[in-house]
PDB file of N, CA and C in Angstrom:
ATOM      1  N   UNK A   1      32.777   3.148  31.044  1.00  0.00           N
ATOM      2  CA  UNK A   1      32.666   2.358  29.605  1.00  0.00           C
ATOM      3  C   UNK A   1      33.457   3.299  28.701  1.00  0.00           C
ATOM      4  N   UNK A   2      34.246   2.800  27.975  1.00  0.00           N
ATOM      5  CA  UNK A   2      34.745   3.260  26.407  1.00  0.00           C
ATOM      6  C   UNK A   2      33.679   3.225  25.664  1.00  0.00           C
ATOM      7  N   UNK A   3      34.006   4.377  24.931  1.00  0.00           N
ATOM      8  CA  UNK A   3      33.021   4.614  23.976  1.00  0.00           C
ATOM      9  C   UNK A   3      33.014   3.265  22.960  1.00  0.00           C
ATOM     10  N   UNK A   4      34.139   2.715  22.516  1.00  0.00           N
ATOM     11  CA  UNK A   4      34.399   1.797  21.511  1.00  0.00           C
ATOM     12  C   UNK A   4      33.581   0.455  22.142  1.00  0.00           C
ATOM     13  N   UNK A   5      33.771   0.293  23.603  1.00  0.00           N
ATOM     14  CA  UNK A   5      32.913  -0.971  24.035  1.00  0.00           C
ATOM     15  C   UNK A   5      31.626  -0.955  23.958  1.00  0.00           C
ATOM     16  N   UNK A   6      31.106   0.563  24.289  1.00  0.00           N
ATOM     17  CA  UNK A   6      29.454   0.912  24.159  1.00  0.00           C
ATOM     18  C   UNK A   6      29.154   0.339  22.692  1.00  0.00           C
ATOM     19  N   UNK A   7      29.699   0.868  21.712  1.00  0.00           N
ATOM     20  CA  UNK A   7      29.685   0.736  20.092  1.00  0.00           C
ATOM     21  C   UNK A   7      29.408  -0.728  20.177  1.00  0.00           C
ATOM     22  N   UNK A   8      30.470  -1.564  20.554  1.00  0.00           N
ATOM     23  CA  UNK A   8      30.206  -2.870  20.142  1.00  0.00           C
ATOM     24  C   UNK A   8      29.121  -3.586  20.759  1.00  0.00           C
ATOM     25  N   UNK A   9      28.853  -3.303  22.022  1.00  0.00           N
ATOM     26  CA  UNK A   9      27.644  -4.060  22.601  1.00  0.00           C
ATOM     27  C   UNK A   9      26.273  -3.207  21.574  1.00  0.00           C
ATOM     28  N   UNK A  10      26.163  -2.294  21.239  1.00  0.00           N
ATOM     29  CA  UNK A  10      24.984  -1.839  20.375  1.00  0.00           C
ATOM     30  C   UNK A  10      25.073  -2.755  19.203  1.00  0.00           C
ATOM     31  N   UNK A  11      26.221  -2.923  18.564  1.00  0.00           N
ATOM     32  CA  UNK A  11      26.488  -3.458  17.571  1.00  0.00           C
ATOM     33  C   UNK A  11      25.961  -4.945  17.315  1.00  0.00           C
ATOM     34  N   UNK A  12      26.550  -5.604  18.548  1.00  0.00           N
ATOM     35  CA  UNK A  12      26.070  -7.116  18.820  1.00  0.00           C
ATOM     36  C   UNK A  12      24.553  -7.142  19.181  1.00  0.00           C
ATOM     37  N   UNK A  13      24.009  -5.999  19.646  1.00  0.00           N
ATOM     38  CA  UNK A  13      22.644  -6.083  19.938  1.00  0.00           C
ATOM     39  C   UNK A  13      21.788  -6.133  18.701  1.00  0.00           C
ATOM     40  N   UNK A  14      22.307  -5.387  17.866  1.00  0.00           N
ATOM     41  CA  UNK A  14      21.628  -5.226  16.531  1.00  0.00           C
ATOM     42  C   UNK A  14      21.685  -6.594  15.658  1.00  0.00           C
ATOM     43  N   UNK A  15      23.271  -7.336  15.788  1.00  0.00           N
ATOM     44  CA  UNK A  15      23.206  -8.702  15.267  1.00  0.00           C
ATOM     45  C   UNK A  15      22.405  -9.647  15.704  1.00  0.00           C
ATOM     46  N   UNK A  16      22.091  -9.387  16.793  1.00  0.00           N
ATOM     47  CA  UNK A  16      21.086 -10.346  17.523  1.00  0.00           C
ATOM     48  C   UNK A  16      19.528 -10.260  17.028  1.00  0.00           C
ATOM     49  N   UNK A  17      19.387  -8.728  17.192  1.00  0.00           N
ATOM     50  CA  UNK A  17      17.740  -8.399  16.388  1.00  0.00           C
ATOM     51  C   UNK A  17      17.922  -8.850  15.456  1.00  0.00           C
ATOM     52  N   UNK A  18      18.898  -8.704  14.351  1.00  0.00           N
ATOM     53  CA  UNK A  18      18.739  -9.193  12.988  1.00  0.00           C
ATOM     54  C   UNK A  18      18.701 -10.887  12.904  1.00  0.00           C
ATOM     55  N   UNK A  19      19.210 -11.576  13.482  1.00  0.00           N
ATOM     56  CA  UNK A  19      18.969 -12.963  13.828  1.00  0.00           C
ATOM     57  C   UNK A  19      17.626 -13.367  14.059  1.00  0.00           C
ATOM     58  N   UNK A  20      16.926 -12.617  14.870  1.00  0.00           N
ATOM     59  CA  UNK A  20      15.620 -12.626  15.419  1.00  0.00           C
ATOM     60  C   UNK A  20      14.605 -12.211  14.236  1.00  0.00           C
ATOM     61  N   UNK A  21      14.793 -11.383  13.294  1.00  0.00           N
ATOM     62  CA  UNK A  21      13.950 -10.754  12.572  1.00  0.00           C
ATOM     63  C   UNK A  21      13.719  -9.424  13.163  1.00  0.00           C
ATOM     64  N   UNK A  22      14.243  -8.801  14.003  1.00  0.00           N
ATOM     65  CA  UNK A  22      13.887  -7.821  14.654  1.00  0.00           C
ATOM     66  C   UNK A  22      14.417  -6.393  14.204  1.00  0.00           C
ATOM     67  N   UNK A  23      15.711  -6.446  13.344  1.00  0.00           N
ATOM     68  CA  UNK A  23      16.159  -5.476  12.630  1.00  0.00           C
ATOM     69  C   UNK A  23      15.464  -4.189  12.612  1.00  0.00           C
ATOM     70  N   UNK A  24      14.618  -4.213  11.832  1.00  0.00           N
ATOM     71  CA  UNK A  24      13.791  -3.260  11.312  1.00  0.00           C
ATOM     72  C   UNK A  24      13.210  -2.251  12.730  1.00  0.00           C
ATOM     73  N   UNK A  25      13.075  -3.186  13.690  1.00  0.00           N
ATOM     74  CA  UNK A  25      12.158  -2.398  15.071  1.00  0.00           C
ATOM     75  C   UNK A  25      13.574  -2.029  15.648  1.00  0.00           C
ATOM     76  N   UNK A  26      14.801  -2.477  15.711  1.00  0.00           N
ATOM     77  CA  UNK A  26      15.806  -2.229  17.056  1.00  0.00           C
ATOM     78  C   UNK A  26      16.656  -1.217  16.077  1.00  0.00           C
ATOM     79  N   UNK A  27      16.553  -0.993  14.984  1.00  0.00           N
ATOM     80  CA  UNK A  27      17.698  -0.319  14.015  1.00  0.00           C
ATOM     81  C   UNK A  27      17.710   1.231  14.455  1.00  0.00           C
ATOM     82  N   UNK A  28      16.271   1.847  14.180  1.00  0.00           N
ATOM     83  CA  UNK A  28      16.008   3.298  14.578  1.00  0.00           C
ATOM     84  C   UNK A  28      16.816   3.793  16.103  1.00  0.00           C
ATOM     85  N   UNK A  29      16.490   2.727  16.822  1.00  0.00           N
ATOM     86  CA  UNK A  29      17.255   3.029  18.467  1.00  0.00           C
ATOM     87  C   UNK A  29      18.767   3.103  18.362  1.00  0.00           C
ATOM     88  N   UNK A  30      19.127   1.691  17.570  1.00  0.00           N
ATOM     89  CA  UNK A  30      20.485   1.994  18.038  1.00  0.00           C
ATOM     90  C   UNK A  30      21.366   2.782  17.145  1.00  0.00           C
ATOM     91  N   UNK A  31      20.647   3.553  15.908  1.00  0.00           N
ATOM     92  CA  UNK A  31      21.438   4.243  15.101  1.00  0.00           C
ATOM     93  C   UNK A  31      21.198   5.698  16.023  1.00  0.00           C
ATOM     94  N   UNK A  32      20.337   5.693  17.018  1.00  0.00           N
ATOM     95  CA  UNK A  32      20.261   7.326  17.761  1.00  0.00           C
ATOM     96  C   UNK A  32      21.368   6.907  18.634  1.00  0.00           C
ATOM     97  N   UNK A  33      21.349   5.843  19.078  1.00  0.00           N
ATOM     98  CA  UNK A  33      22.532   5.654  20.195  1.00  0.00           C
ATOM     99  C   UNK A  33      23.617   5.569  19.896  1.00  0.00           C
ATOM    100  N   UNK A  34      24.129   5.367  18.594  1.00  0.00           N
ATOM    101  CA  UNK A  34      25.575   5.427  17.962  1.00  0.00           C
ATOM    102  C   UNK A  34      25.746   6.956  17.484  1.00  0.00           C
ATOM    103  N   UNK A  35      24.657   7.488  17.242  1.00  0.00           N
ATOM    104  CA  UNK A  35      24.773   9.344  16.968  1.00  0.00           C
ATOM    105  C   UNK A  35      25.145   9.794  18.357  1.00  0.00           C
ATOM    106  N   UNK A  36      24.476   9.291  19.553  1.00  0.00           N
ATOM    107  CA  UNK A  36      24.785   9.883  20.861  1.00  0.00           C
ATOM    108  C   UNK A  36      26.119   9.699  21.091  1.00  0.00           C
ATOM    109  N   UNK A  37      26.686   8.554  20.807  1.00  0.00           N
ATOM    110  CA  UNK A  37      28.170   8.103  21.246  1.00  0.00           C
ATOM    111  C   UNK A  37      29.220   9.263  20.205  1.00  0.00           C
ATOM    112  N   UNK A  38      28.599   9.466  18.942  1.00  0.00           N
ATOM    113  CA  UNK A  38      29.511  10.294  18.267  1.00  0.00           C
ATOM    114  C   UNK A  38      29.310  11.763  18.626  1.00  0.00           C
ATOM    115  N   UNK A  39      28.185  12.288  19.005  1.00  0.00           N
ATOM    116  CA  UNK A  39      28.281  13.587  19.427  1.00  0.00           C
ATOM    117  C   UNK A  39      28.880  13.741  20.937  1.00  0.00           C
ATOM    118  N   UNK A  40      28.906  12.552  21.709  1.00  0.00           N
ATOM    119  CA  UNK A  40      29.602  12.775  23.212  1.00  0.00           C
ATOM    120  C   UNK A  40      31.128  12.874  22.990  1.00  0.00           C
ATOM    121  N   UNK A  41      31.477  11.843  21.832  1.00  0.00           N
ATOM    122  CA  UNK A  41      33.118  11.920  21.511  1.00  0.00           C
ATOM    123  C   UNK A  41      33.193  13.291  21.269  1.00  0.00           C
ATOM    124  N   UNK A  42      32.714  14.073  20.385  1.00  0.00           N
ATOM    125  CA  UNK A  42      32.902  15.513  19.942  1.00  0.00           C
ATOM    126  C   UNK A  42      33.189  16.402  21.032  1.00  0.00           C
ATOM    127  N   UNK A  43      32.393  16.093  22.112  1.00  0.00           N
ATOM    128  CA  UNK A  43      32.648  17.139  23.344  1.00  0.00           C
ATOM    129  C   UNK A  43      31.217  17.927  23.054  1.00  0.00           C
ATOM    130  N   UNK A  44      29.942  17.747  22.257  1.00  0.00           N
ATOM    131  CA  UNK A  44      29.322  18.422  22.134  1.00  0.00           C
ATOM    132  C   UNK A  44      28.017  18.346  23.524  1.00  0.00           C
ATOM    133  N   UNK A  45      27.290  19.292  23.956  1.00  0.00           N
ATOM    134  CA  UNK A  45      26.613  19.460  25.320  1.00  0.00           C
ATOM    135  C   UNK A  45      25.545  18.351  24.932  1.00  0.00           C
ATOM    136  N   UNK A  46      24.805  17.786  25.971  1.00  0.00           N
ATOM    137  CA  UNK A  46      23.509  17.115  25.412  1.00  0.00           C
ATOM    138  C   UNK A  46      22.569  18.197  24.903  1.00  0.00           C
ATOM    139  N   UNK A  47      21.523  17.490  24.125  1.00  0.00           N
ATOM    140  CA  UNK A  47      20.314  18.275  23.752  1.00  0.00           C
ATOM    141  C   UNK A  47      19.542  18.688  24.840  1.00  0.00           C
ATOM    142  N   UNK A  48      18.873  20.097  24.809  1.00  0.00           N
ATOM    143  CA  UNK A  48      17.860  20.369  25.728  1.00  0.00           C
ATOM    144  C   UNK A  48      16.605  19.325  25.713  1.00  0.00           C
ATOM    145  N   UNK A  49      16.537  18.949  27.245  1.00  0.00           N
ATOM    146  CA  UNK A  49      15.106  18.149  27.545  1.00  0.00           C
ATOM    147  C   UNK A  49      13.700  18.973  26.832  1.00  0.00           C
ATOM    148  N   UNK A  50      12.898  18.115  26.508  1.00  0.00           N
ATOM    149  CA  UNK A  50      11.514  18.337  25.877  1.00  0.00           C
ATOM    150  C   UNK A  50      10.843  19.741  26.882  1.00  0.00           C
ATOM    151  N   UNK A  51      10.379  20.595  26.351  1.00  0.00           N
ATOM    152  CA  UNK A  51       9.438  21.434  27.208  1.00  0.00           C
ATOM    153  C   UNK A  51       8.064  20.477  27.904  1.00  0.00           C
ATOM    154  N   UNK A  52       7.823  20.932  29.245  1.00  0.00           N
ATOM    155  CA  UNK A  52       7.141  20.145  29.602  1.00  0.00           C
ATOM    156  C   UNK A  52       5.533  20.725  29.563  1.00  0.00           C
TER     157      UNK A  52
END
């Protein structure tokens, strides 16, 4: 799936959350995912998994 399509999906989810009064709960998650998209578009490697 193209990054722009994924971004649109997250933005639509945020709009639905806003309408339902859940924007504050959903916004941090959407921001993380959008940042992931930007990082991946730049070709950066994924972060290391947390130590177990």
